[in-house]
Amino acid sequence: MAKLELYYMSTCPFSKKVLNYIEENKIEDKIIFKDINLNDYDKETLEKVTGKVQVPCIFIDGKPMFESDGIINYLKENII
């Protein structure tokens, strides 16, 4: 299984959409969560790797994917 790291902000509605999907489908244990509002290092890492501070962003084996619908579709097809 791929290593999944979700960069998010708890105040972002698009992040909430992804987080709700993850919770509803009980797949929290398959993802590492990184709230960029709580950890400056995670925020800096996101910006350094992607060139922007846009959430939600899921890293799939180190490769970033943006957009909540795309992330949810990936999870539907590959995790559930």
C-alpha atoms as a PDB file:
ATOM      1  CA  MET A   1       0.000   0.000   0.000  1.00  0.00           C
ATOM      2  CA  ALA A   2       1.159   3.521  -0.764  1.00  0.00           C
ATOM      3  CA  LYS A   3       2.384   5.844   1.976  1.00  0.00           C
ATOM      4  CA  LEU A   4      -0.290   8.546   2.370  1.00  0.00           C
ATOM      5  CA  GLU A   5       0.256  11.912   4.067  1.00  0.00           C
ATOM      6  CA  LEU A   6      -2.598  14.413   4.118  1.00  0.00           C
ATOM      7  CA  TYR A   7      -1.694  18.072   4.566  1.00  0.00           C
ATOM      8  CA  TYR A   8      -4.745  20.034   5.644  1.00  0.00           C
ATOM      9  CA  MET A   9      -6.120  22.933   7.694  1.00  0.00           C
ATOM     10  CA  SER A  10      -8.969  22.213  10.070  1.00  0.00           C
ATOM     11  CA  THR A  11     -10.569  25.556   9.116  1.00  0.00           C
ATOM     12  CA  CYS A  12     -10.574  24.868   5.361  1.00  0.00           C
ATOM     13  CA  PRO A  13     -13.924  23.633   3.969  1.00  0.00           C
ATOM     14  CA  PHE A  14     -12.199  21.554   1.272  1.00  0.00           C
ATOM     15  CA  SER A  15      -9.980  19.922   3.879  1.00  0.00           C
ATOM     16  CA  LYS A  16     -13.085  19.219   5.981  1.00  0.00           C
ATOM     17  CA  LYS A  17     -14.696  17.538   2.977  1.00  0.00           C
ATOM     18  CA  VAL A  18     -11.745  15.139   2.663  1.00  0.00           C
ATOM     19  CA  LEU A  19     -11.495  14.590   6.421  1.00  0.00           C
ATOM     20  CA  ASN A  20     -15.224  13.791   6.607  1.00  0.00           C
ATOM     21  CA  TYR A  21     -14.878  11.249   3.787  1.00  0.00           C
ATOM     22  CA  ILE A  22     -11.938   9.609   5.555  1.00  0.00           C
ATOM     23  CA  GLU A  23     -13.834   9.464   8.857  1.00  0.00           C
ATOM     24  CA  GLU A  24     -17.062   8.158   7.290  1.00  0.00           C
ATOM     25  CA  ASN A  25     -15.145   5.343   5.608  1.00  0.00           C
ATOM     26  CA  LYS A  26     -13.036   4.561   8.681  1.00  0.00           C
ATOM     27  CA  ILE A  27      -9.685   4.763   6.889  1.00  0.00           C
ATOM     28  CA  GLU A  28      -7.930   7.102   9.352  1.00  0.00           C
ATOM     29  CA  ASP A  29      -5.368   4.436  10.207  1.00  0.00           C
ATOM     30  CA  LYS A  30      -4.112   4.359   6.605  1.00  0.00           C
ATOM     31  CA  ILE A  31      -3.162   8.059   6.453  1.00  0.00           C
ATOM     32  CA  ILE A  32      -0.674  10.317   8.248  1.00  0.00           C
ATOM     33  CA  PHE A  33      -2.333  13.658   9.059  1.00  0.00           C
ATOM     34  CA  LYS A  34      -0.471  16.987   9.020  1.00  0.00           C
ATOM     35  CA  ASP A  35      -2.403  20.107  10.053  1.00  0.00           C
ATOM     36  CA  ILE A  36      -0.296  22.975   8.706  1.00  0.00           C
ATOM     37  CA  ASN A  37      -1.887  25.417  11.171  1.00  0.00           C
ATOM     38  CA  LEU A  38      -0.459  23.428  14.068  1.00  0.00           C
ATOM     39  CA  ASN A  39       3.026  22.725  12.742  1.00  0.00           C
ATOM     40  CA  ASP A  40       5.216  25.283  10.956  1.00  0.00           C
ATOM     41  CA  TYR A  41       7.574  22.546   9.775  1.00  0.00           C
ATOM     42  CA  ASP A  42       4.742  20.783   7.932  1.00  0.00           C
ATOM     43  CA  LYS A  43       3.647  24.076   6.352  1.00  0.00           C
ATOM     44  CA  GLU A  44       7.206  24.829   5.238  1.00  0.00           C
ATOM     45  CA  THR A  45       7.617  21.307   3.872  1.00  0.00           C
ATOM     46  CA  LEU A  46       4.399  21.590   1.857  1.00  0.00           C
ATOM     47  CA  GLU A  47       5.514  24.902   0.377  1.00  0.00           C
ATOM     48  CA  LYS A  48       9.062  23.702  -0.312  1.00  0.00           C
ATOM     49  CA  VAL A  49       7.956  20.547  -2.121  1.00  0.00           C
ATOM     50  CA  THR A  50       4.959  21.924  -4.041  1.00  0.00           C
ATOM     51  CA  GLY A  51       5.802  25.610  -4.341  1.00  0.00           C
ATOM     52  CA  LYS A  52       2.561  26.621  -2.663  1.00  0.00           C
ATOM     53  CA  VAL A  53       0.590  26.365   0.546  1.00  0.00           C
ATOM     54  CA  GLN A  54      -2.589  24.835  -0.822  1.00  0.00           C
ATOM     55  CA  VAL A  55      -4.684  22.342   1.088  1.00  0.00           C
ATOM     56  CA  PRO A  56      -5.877  19.723   1.036  1.00  0.00           C
ATOM     57  CA  CYS A  57      -2.852  18.035  -0.457  1.00  0.00           C
ATOM     58  CA  ILE A  58      -2.190  14.333  -0.183  1.00  0.00           C
ATOM     59  CA  PHE A  59       1.252  12.933  -0.790  1.00  0.00           C
ATOM     60  CA  ILE A  60       1.104   9.475  -2.331  1.00  0.00           C
ATOM     61  CA  ASP A  61       4.535   7.892  -1.923  1.00  0.00           C
ATOM     62  CA  GLY A  62       5.982  11.406  -1.878  1.00  0.00           C
ATOM     63  CA  LYS A  63       4.074  12.769  -4.888  1.00  0.00           C
ATOM     64  CA  PRO A  64       1.541  15.550  -4.199  1.00  0.00           C
ATOM     65  CA  MET A  65      -2.085  15.551  -5.316  1.00  0.00           C
ATOM     66  CA  PHE A  66      -4.314  18.584  -4.804  1.00  0.00           C
ATOM     67  CA  GLU A  67      -8.081  19.183  -4.966  1.00  0.00           C
ATOM     68  CA  SER A  68     -10.552  17.558  -2.597  1.00  0.00           C
ATOM     69  CA  ASP A  69     -12.526  15.719  -5.291  1.00  0.00           C
ATOM     70  CA  GLY A  70      -9.362  14.251  -6.780  1.00  0.00           C
ATOM     71  CA  ILE A  71      -8.162  13.122  -3.371  1.00  0.00           C
ATOM     72  CA  ILE A  72     -11.513  11.517  -2.550  1.00  0.00           C
ATOM     73  CA  ASN A  73     -11.604   9.765  -5.930  1.00  0.00           C
ATOM     74  CA  TYR A  74      -8.104   8.410  -5.339  1.00  0.00           C
ATOM     75  CA  LEU A  75      -9.113   7.103  -1.918  1.00  0.00           C
ATOM     76  CA  LYS A  76     -12.289   5.516  -3.355  1.00  0.00           C
ATOM     77  CA  GLU A  77     -10.342   3.734  -6.077  1.00  0.00           C
ATOM     78  CA  ASN A  78      -7.276   2.695  -4.104  1.00  0.00           C
ATOM     79  CA  ILE A  79      -8.080   2.451  -0.403  1.00  0.00           C
ATOM     80  CA  ILE A  80     -11.687   1.369   0.030  1.00  0.00           C
END
